[in-house]
Amino acid sequence: MITFKHFFESNQPLGLIETITFEELGPIEAKIDSGNGAYNVLHGVNIDHNGDNVTFETVNGQMITKPVVELIDINIGSGNIEQRPVVEFDIKIGDELHPNTKFSIGDRTENEYKILVGKDFIEELGGVIDVTKQNNLD
């Protein structure tokens, strides 16, 4: 039987904050949030969902247009449901490329980190988080 200590030491844990590099946007710090059961979230405002595509303004005022791969309903609290478009990005974390990674687009203006990494993607990355670290995979 493997102990937790052995498991933790044998896997490269994520830090609470990790840098994600987007082909279109460059490197951006993201908050790792195991309590977020939905897709990863990328900050977007002035969202124009038109047919099969969505155009939005994101970090550093950059405008992005991407195909929508699906729409999801997100409970944003107090019983309020928000429908968000989901798009895919090729991203890199540390030295590892993750093609076609899904992100819902939502307004994170009030949040310090403009990207939130969700539980499913955390599991794909190994599922271990060391909350005392930042940018542990760099």
N, C-alpha and C. Protein backbone atom coordinates (compact mmCIF):
# COMPACT_ATOMS: atom_id res chain seq x y z
N MET A 1 0.84 -1.17 0.00
CA MET A 1 0.00 0.00 0.00
C MET A 1 0.89 1.24 0.00
N ILE A 2 0.53 2.21 -0.85
CA ILE A 2 1.29 3.44 -0.95
C ILE A 2 0.78 4.45 0.08
N THR A 3 1.70 5.10 0.76
CA THR A 3 1.30 6.11 1.74
C THR A 3 1.04 7.43 1.02
N PHE A 4 0.29 8.29 1.66
CA PHE A 4 0.02 9.62 1.08
C PHE A 4 1.34 10.36 0.88
N LYS A 5 2.23 10.28 1.85
CA LYS A 5 3.51 10.97 1.74
C LYS A 5 4.27 10.51 0.51
N HIS A 6 4.31 9.20 0.26
CA HIS A 6 5.01 8.66 -0.90
C HIS A 6 4.31 9.13 -2.18
N PHE A 7 2.99 9.08 -2.21
CA PHE A 7 2.23 9.53 -3.38
C PHE A 7 2.53 11.00 -3.65
N PHE A 8 2.47 11.84 -2.62
CA PHE A 8 2.69 13.28 -2.75
C PHE A 8 4.10 13.55 -3.26
N GLU A 9 5.08 12.85 -2.71
CA GLU A 9 6.47 13.09 -3.10
C GLU A 9 6.80 12.54 -4.48
N SER A 10 6.07 11.53 -4.94
CA SER A 10 6.36 10.93 -6.24
C SER A 10 5.63 11.63 -7.38
N ASN A 11 4.71 12.53 -7.09
CA ASN A 11 3.99 13.29 -8.10
C ASN A 11 4.37 14.76 -7.98
N GLN A 12 4.49 15.41 -9.12
CA GLN A 12 4.77 16.84 -9.12
C GLN A 12 3.47 17.57 -8.79
N PRO A 13 3.34 18.09 -7.57
CA PRO A 13 2.09 18.76 -7.21
C PRO A 13 1.95 20.11 -7.90
N LEU A 14 0.72 20.50 -8.11
CA LEU A 14 0.43 21.84 -8.60
C LEU A 14 0.56 22.81 -7.45
N GLY A 15 0.98 24.03 -7.74
CA GLY A 15 0.91 25.08 -6.75
C GLY A 15 -0.50 25.66 -6.75
N LEU A 16 -0.82 26.45 -5.76
CA LEU A 16 -2.13 27.10 -5.70
C LEU A 16 -2.33 28.02 -6.89
N ILE A 17 -1.23 28.62 -7.36
CA ILE A 17 -1.24 29.47 -8.54
C ILE A 17 -0.24 28.87 -9.52
N GLU A 18 -0.66 28.68 -10.76
CA GLU A 18 0.22 28.17 -11.81
C GLU A 18 0.10 29.06 -13.05
N THR A 19 1.18 29.17 -13.80
CA THR A 19 1.16 29.93 -15.04
C THR A 19 0.73 29.02 -16.19
N ILE A 20 -0.26 29.47 -16.91
CA ILE A 20 -0.73 28.78 -18.10
C ILE A 20 -0.36 29.64 -19.30
N THR A 21 0.26 29.03 -20.30
CA THR A 21 0.63 29.76 -21.51
C THR A 21 -0.32 29.38 -22.63
N PHE A 22 -0.99 30.40 -23.14
CA PHE A 22 -1.92 30.25 -24.27
C PHE A 22 -1.19 30.67 -25.54
N GLU A 23 -1.42 29.93 -26.61
CA GLU A 23 -0.84 30.29 -27.90
C GLU A 23 -1.25 31.72 -28.28
N GLU A 24 -2.52 32.06 -28.06
CA GLU A 24 -3.06 33.35 -28.47
C GLU A 24 -2.80 34.48 -27.47
N LEU A 25 -2.62 34.16 -26.19
CA LEU A 25 -2.58 35.18 -25.14
C LEU A 25 -1.27 35.27 -24.39
N GLY A 26 -0.41 34.29 -24.54
CA GLY A 26 0.84 34.27 -23.78
C GLY A 26 0.62 33.71 -22.38
N PRO A 27 1.57 33.94 -21.47
CA PRO A 27 1.47 33.38 -20.12
C PRO A 27 0.53 34.20 -19.23
N ILE A 28 -0.31 33.49 -18.47
CA ILE A 28 -1.25 34.11 -17.55
C ILE A 28 -1.30 33.26 -16.28
N GLU A 29 -1.29 33.93 -15.12
CA GLU A 29 -1.39 33.18 -13.87
C GLU A 29 -2.83 32.73 -13.65
N ALA A 30 -2.99 31.50 -13.18
CA ALA A 30 -4.30 30.90 -12.96
C ALA A 30 -4.40 30.38 -11.53
N LYS A 31 -5.59 30.47 -10.97
CA LYS A 31 -5.84 29.91 -9.64
C LYS A 31 -6.31 28.48 -9.80
N ILE A 32 -5.72 27.58 -9.04
CA ILE A 32 -6.09 26.17 -9.05
C ILE A 32 -7.19 26.01 -8.00
N ASP A 33 -8.37 25.52 -8.42
CA ASP A 33 -9.53 25.49 -7.52
C ASP A 33 -10.23 24.13 -7.60
N SER A 34 -9.88 23.26 -6.67
CA SER A 34 -10.47 21.91 -6.66
C SER A 34 -11.96 21.93 -6.31
N GLY A 35 -12.46 23.05 -5.82
CA GLY A 35 -13.89 23.17 -5.52
C GLY A 35 -14.73 23.55 -6.72
N ASN A 36 -14.08 23.90 -7.82
CA ASN A 36 -14.79 24.25 -9.05
C ASN A 36 -15.02 22.98 -9.85
N GLY A 37 -16.25 22.49 -9.86
CA GLY A 37 -16.57 21.24 -10.53
C GLY A 37 -16.83 21.40 -12.01
N ALA A 38 -16.90 22.63 -12.51
CA ALA A 38 -17.18 22.86 -13.93
C ALA A 38 -15.87 22.94 -14.71
N TYR A 39 -16.00 23.39 -15.94
CA TYR A 39 -14.81 23.59 -16.77
C TYR A 39 -13.92 24.68 -16.21
N ASN A 40 -12.72 24.74 -16.71
CA ASN A 40 -11.85 25.88 -16.45
C ASN A 40 -12.59 27.13 -16.92
N VAL A 41 -12.24 28.28 -16.33
CA VAL A 41 -12.90 29.54 -16.70
C VAL A 41 -11.83 30.54 -17.12
N LEU A 42 -12.08 31.19 -18.24
CA LEU A 42 -11.23 32.28 -18.71
C LEU A 42 -12.06 33.56 -18.68
N HIS A 43 -11.46 34.62 -18.17
CA HIS A 43 -12.12 35.91 -18.10
C HIS A 43 -12.53 36.39 -19.50
N GLY A 44 -13.77 36.85 -19.60
CA GLY A 44 -14.24 37.44 -20.83
C GLY A 44 -15.35 38.43 -20.56
N VAL A 45 -15.31 39.58 -21.22
CA VAL A 45 -16.37 40.59 -21.15
C VAL A 45 -16.72 40.98 -22.58
N ASN A 46 -17.80 41.74 -22.70
CA ASN A 46 -18.29 42.12 -24.04
C ASN A 46 -18.43 40.88 -24.91
N ILE A 47 -19.06 39.88 -24.34
CA ILE A 47 -19.19 38.57 -24.99
C ILE A 47 -20.28 38.65 -26.05
N ASP A 48 -19.91 38.30 -27.29
CA ASP A 48 -20.86 38.28 -28.40
C ASP A 48 -20.91 36.87 -28.95
N HIS A 49 -21.93 36.14 -28.52
CA HIS A 49 -22.12 34.76 -29.00
C HIS A 49 -23.02 34.83 -30.22
N ASN A 50 -22.43 34.59 -31.37
CA ASN A 50 -23.14 34.74 -32.63
C ASN A 50 -23.03 33.45 -33.44
N GLY A 51 -24.06 32.63 -33.40
CA GLY A 51 -24.04 31.37 -34.14
C GLY A 51 -23.05 30.39 -33.56
N ASP A 52 -22.13 29.96 -34.39
CA ASP A 52 -21.16 28.94 -33.99
C ASP A 52 -19.91 29.50 -33.32
N ASN A 53 -19.78 30.83 -33.27
CA ASN A 53 -18.58 31.47 -32.71
C ASN A 53 -18.92 32.40 -31.57
N VAL A 54 -17.91 32.70 -30.77
CA VAL A 54 -18.03 33.70 -29.72
C VAL A 54 -16.82 34.63 -29.83
N THR A 55 -17.08 35.92 -29.69
CA THR A 55 -16.04 36.93 -29.65
C THR A 55 -16.11 37.59 -28.29
N PHE A 56 -14.97 37.79 -27.66
CA PHE A 56 -14.96 38.38 -26.32
C PHE A 56 -13.64 39.10 -26.09
N GLU A 57 -13.69 40.04 -25.15
CA GLU A 57 -12.49 40.74 -24.72
C GLU A 57 -11.97 40.04 -23.48
N THR A 58 -10.69 39.77 -23.45
CA THR A 58 -10.12 39.03 -22.33
C THR A 58 -8.92 39.78 -21.75
N VAL A 59 -8.03 39.07 -21.10
CA VAL A 59 -6.90 39.71 -20.42
C VAL A 59 -6.14 40.64 -21.35
N ASN A 60 -5.63 41.72 -20.78
CA ASN A 60 -4.86 42.73 -21.51
C ASN A 60 -5.65 43.35 -22.65
N GLY A 61 -6.99 43.31 -22.56
CA GLY A 61 -7.84 43.94 -23.57
C GLY A 61 -7.83 43.25 -24.92
N GLN A 62 -7.32 42.03 -24.97
CA GLN A 62 -7.23 41.31 -26.24
C GLN A 62 -8.60 40.77 -26.65
N MET A 63 -8.92 40.90 -27.94
CA MET A 63 -10.16 40.36 -28.50
C MET A 63 -9.85 38.99 -29.10
N ILE A 64 -10.71 38.04 -28.79
CA ILE A 64 -10.55 36.66 -29.25
C ILE A 64 -11.87 36.23 -29.89
N THR A 65 -11.79 35.52 -31.00
CA THR A 65 -12.95 34.86 -31.60
C THR A 65 -12.61 33.39 -31.72
N LYS A 66 -13.50 32.55 -31.17
CA LYS A 66 -13.28 31.10 -31.17
C LYS A 66 -14.59 30.40 -31.49
N PRO A 67 -14.49 29.20 -32.05
CA PRO A 67 -15.70 28.38 -32.22
C PRO A 67 -16.23 27.93 -30.85
N VAL A 68 -17.53 27.92 -30.70
CA VAL A 68 -18.16 27.43 -29.47
C VAL A 68 -18.31 25.92 -29.60
N VAL A 69 -17.76 25.18 -28.61
CA VAL A 69 -17.87 23.72 -28.66
C VAL A 69 -19.10 23.23 -27.90
N GLU A 70 -19.59 24.05 -26.97
CA GLU A 70 -20.84 23.75 -26.27
C GLU A 70 -21.24 24.94 -25.41
N LEU A 71 -22.43 24.90 -24.88
CA LEU A 71 -22.92 25.88 -23.91
C LEU A 71 -23.17 25.16 -22.61
N ILE A 72 -22.81 25.78 -21.49
CA ILE A 72 -23.06 25.17 -20.20
C ILE A 72 -23.78 26.16 -19.29
N ASP A 73 -24.56 25.62 -18.38
CA ASP A 73 -25.22 26.42 -17.35
C ASP A 73 -24.37 26.37 -16.09
N ILE A 74 -24.07 27.56 -15.56
CA ILE A 74 -23.24 27.67 -14.36
C ILE A 74 -24.07 28.32 -13.26
N ASN A 75 -24.09 27.69 -12.08
CA ASN A 75 -24.73 28.29 -10.91
C ASN A 75 -23.75 29.29 -10.33
N ILE A 76 -24.07 30.58 -10.47
CA ILE A 76 -23.16 31.62 -10.00
C ILE A 76 -23.50 32.10 -8.59
N GLY A 77 -24.37 31.37 -7.92
CA GLY A 77 -24.71 31.68 -6.52
C GLY A 77 -26.11 32.25 -6.39
N SER A 78 -26.66 32.07 -5.22
CA SER A 78 -28.00 32.57 -4.88
C SER A 78 -29.06 32.10 -5.87
N GLY A 79 -28.86 30.91 -6.42
CA GLY A 79 -29.84 30.35 -7.35
C GLY A 79 -29.81 30.94 -8.74
N ASN A 80 -28.83 31.80 -9.02
CA ASN A 80 -28.71 32.41 -10.34
C ASN A 80 -27.91 31.51 -11.28
N ILE A 81 -28.49 31.27 -12.45
CA ILE A 81 -27.86 30.43 -13.46
C ILE A 81 -27.42 31.32 -14.62
N GLU A 82 -26.20 31.10 -15.07
CA GLU A 82 -25.65 31.86 -16.20
C GLU A 82 -25.24 30.86 -17.28
N GLN A 83 -25.68 31.09 -18.50
CA GLN A 83 -25.26 30.23 -19.60
C GLN A 83 -23.97 30.79 -20.19
N ARG A 84 -22.97 29.92 -20.31
CA ARG A 84 -21.67 30.35 -20.81
C ARG A 84 -21.25 29.53 -22.02
N PRO A 85 -20.61 30.19 -22.98
CA PRO A 85 -20.01 29.44 -24.08
C PRO A 85 -18.73 28.76 -23.62
N VAL A 86 -18.45 27.63 -24.22
CA VAL A 86 -17.22 26.88 -23.94
C VAL A 86 -16.40 26.84 -25.23
N VAL A 87 -15.12 27.17 -25.11
CA VAL A 87 -14.20 27.16 -26.25
C VAL A 87 -12.98 26.32 -25.88
N GLU A 88 -12.18 26.01 -26.87
CA GLU A 88 -10.97 25.22 -26.63
C GLU A 88 -9.73 26.03 -26.96
N PHE A 89 -8.70 25.86 -26.12
CA PHE A 89 -7.40 26.47 -26.35
C PHE A 89 -6.33 25.40 -26.25
N ASP A 90 -5.26 25.56 -27.01
CA ASP A 90 -4.05 24.77 -26.80
C ASP A 90 -3.24 25.54 -25.77
N ILE A 91 -2.94 24.88 -24.66
CA ILE A 91 -2.22 25.55 -23.57
C ILE A 91 -1.00 24.74 -23.18
N LYS A 92 -0.13 25.41 -22.46
CA LYS A 92 1.07 24.75 -21.94
C LYS A 92 1.18 25.09 -20.46
N ILE A 93 1.42 24.08 -19.64
CA ILE A 93 1.69 24.26 -18.22
C ILE A 93 3.02 23.57 -17.94
N GLY A 94 3.97 24.35 -17.43
CA GLY A 94 5.31 23.80 -17.31
C GLY A 94 5.81 23.47 -18.71
N ASP A 95 6.31 22.27 -18.89
CA ASP A 95 6.80 21.84 -20.20
C ASP A 95 5.77 21.01 -20.96
N GLU A 96 4.59 20.86 -20.40
CA GLU A 96 3.60 19.95 -20.96
C GLU A 96 2.52 20.68 -21.75
N LEU A 97 2.31 20.25 -23.01
CA LEU A 97 1.29 20.80 -23.88
C LEU A 97 -0.03 20.08 -23.64
N HIS A 98 -1.10 20.85 -23.56
CA HIS A 98 -2.45 20.30 -23.39
C HIS A 98 -3.34 20.87 -24.49
N PRO A 99 -3.45 20.13 -25.61
CA PRO A 99 -4.26 20.64 -26.72
C PRO A 99 -5.76 20.53 -26.41
N ASN A 100 -6.53 21.40 -27.06
CA ASN A 100 -8.00 21.36 -27.00
C ASN A 100 -8.53 21.35 -25.57
N THR A 101 -7.98 22.19 -24.72
CA THR A 101 -8.43 22.29 -23.34
C THR A 101 -9.64 23.22 -23.27
N LYS A 102 -10.71 22.74 -22.63
CA LYS A 102 -11.96 23.50 -22.58
C LYS A 102 -11.94 24.57 -21.49
N PHE A 103 -12.45 25.74 -21.87
CA PHE A 103 -12.64 26.87 -20.96
C PHE A 103 -14.01 27.47 -21.19
N SER A 104 -14.76 27.67 -20.12
CA SER A 104 -15.97 28.48 -20.26
C SER A 104 -15.52 29.94 -20.18
N ILE A 105 -16.30 30.82 -20.78
CA ILE A 105 -15.96 32.24 -20.80
C ILE A 105 -16.91 32.95 -19.85
N GLY A 106 -16.35 33.60 -18.83
CA GLY A 106 -17.17 34.29 -17.84
C GLY A 106 -16.46 35.55 -17.34
N ASP A 107 -17.24 36.47 -16.85
CA ASP A 107 -16.71 37.74 -16.35
C ASP A 107 -16.03 37.53 -15.00
N ARG A 108 -14.71 37.65 -14.98
CA ARG A 108 -13.92 37.52 -13.74
C ARG A 108 -13.29 38.87 -13.37
N THR A 109 -13.97 39.95 -13.75
CA THR A 109 -13.47 41.30 -13.47
C THR A 109 -13.15 41.48 -12.00
N GLU A 110 -14.01 40.96 -11.14
CA GLU A 110 -13.85 41.15 -9.69
C GLU A 110 -12.85 40.18 -9.06
N ASN A 111 -12.29 39.27 -9.85
CA ASN A 111 -11.38 38.26 -9.33
C ASN A 111 -9.93 38.63 -9.61
N GLU A 112 -9.06 38.33 -8.67
CA GLU A 112 -7.64 38.62 -8.85
C GLU A 112 -7.06 37.84 -10.03
N TYR A 113 -7.43 36.57 -10.14
CA TYR A 113 -6.90 35.71 -11.19
C TYR A 113 -7.95 35.56 -12.28
N LYS A 114 -7.53 35.80 -13.51
CA LYS A 114 -8.46 35.82 -14.64
C LYS A 114 -8.71 34.43 -15.22
N ILE A 115 -8.05 33.44 -14.64
CA ILE A 115 -8.28 32.05 -15.03
C ILE A 115 -8.51 31.24 -13.77
N LEU A 116 -9.50 30.38 -13.83
CA LEU A 116 -9.77 29.44 -12.75
C LEU A 116 -9.67 28.04 -13.33
N VAL A 117 -8.83 27.21 -12.76
CA VAL A 117 -8.65 25.84 -13.23
C VAL A 117 -9.54 24.94 -12.40
N GLY A 118 -10.39 24.15 -13.07
CA GLY A 118 -11.38 23.32 -12.41
C GLY A 118 -10.91 21.91 -12.08
N LYS A 119 -11.73 21.24 -11.29
CA LYS A 119 -11.43 19.92 -10.73
C LYS A 119 -11.08 18.87 -11.79
N ASP A 120 -11.83 18.81 -12.88
CA ASP A 120 -11.57 17.78 -13.88
C ASP A 120 -10.18 17.93 -14.50
N PHE A 121 -9.80 19.18 -14.80
CA PHE A 121 -8.48 19.41 -15.39
C PHE A 121 -7.38 19.19 -14.35
N ILE A 122 -7.65 19.52 -13.11
CA ILE A 122 -6.68 19.25 -12.03
C ILE A 122 -6.39 17.76 -11.96
N GLU A 123 -7.43 16.93 -12.08
CA GLU A 123 -7.24 15.48 -12.07
C GLU A 123 -6.36 15.05 -13.23
N GLU A 124 -6.56 15.67 -14.40
CA GLU A 124 -5.75 15.36 -15.58
C GLU A 124 -4.27 15.71 -15.34
N LEU A 125 -4.04 16.73 -14.55
CA LEU A 125 -2.68 17.17 -14.25
C LEU A 125 -2.02 16.39 -13.11
N GLY A 126 -2.74 15.47 -12.52
CA GLY A 126 -2.16 14.65 -11.45
C GLY A 126 -2.92 14.71 -10.16
N GLY A 127 -3.75 15.71 -9.97
CA GLY A 127 -4.65 15.76 -8.84
C GLY A 127 -4.07 16.13 -7.50
N VAL A 128 -2.80 16.53 -7.45
CA VAL A 128 -2.18 16.88 -6.18
C VAL A 128 -1.88 18.37 -6.17
N ILE A 129 -2.34 19.05 -5.12
CA ILE A 129 -2.13 20.49 -4.99
C ILE A 129 -1.39 20.78 -3.70
N ASP A 130 -0.31 21.54 -3.81
CA ASP A 130 0.41 22.01 -2.63
C ASP A 130 0.08 23.49 -2.47
N VAL A 131 -0.84 23.80 -1.54
CA VAL A 131 -1.32 25.17 -1.40
C VAL A 131 -0.27 26.13 -0.87
N THR A 132 0.88 25.62 -0.46
CA THR A 132 1.95 26.50 0.02
C THR A 132 2.85 26.95 -1.13
N LYS A 133 2.62 26.44 -2.33
CA LYS A 133 3.49 26.73 -3.47
C LYS A 133 2.77 27.57 -4.51
N GLN A 134 3.57 28.24 -5.34
CA GLN A 134 3.10 28.92 -6.54
C GLN A 134 4.03 28.60 -7.68
N ASN A 135 3.47 28.44 -8.87
CA ASN A 135 4.25 28.14 -10.07
C ASN A 135 5.21 26.98 -9.84
N ASN A 136 4.69 25.92 -9.28
CA ASN A 136 5.48 24.74 -8.95
C ASN A 136 5.89 23.96 -10.19
N LEU A 137 5.18 24.15 -11.30
CA LEU A 137 5.48 23.39 -12.51
C LEU A 137 6.41 24.11 -13.47
N ASP A 138 6.82 25.34 -13.12
CA ASP A 138 7.73 26.10 -14.01
C ASP A 138 9.12 25.53 -13.94
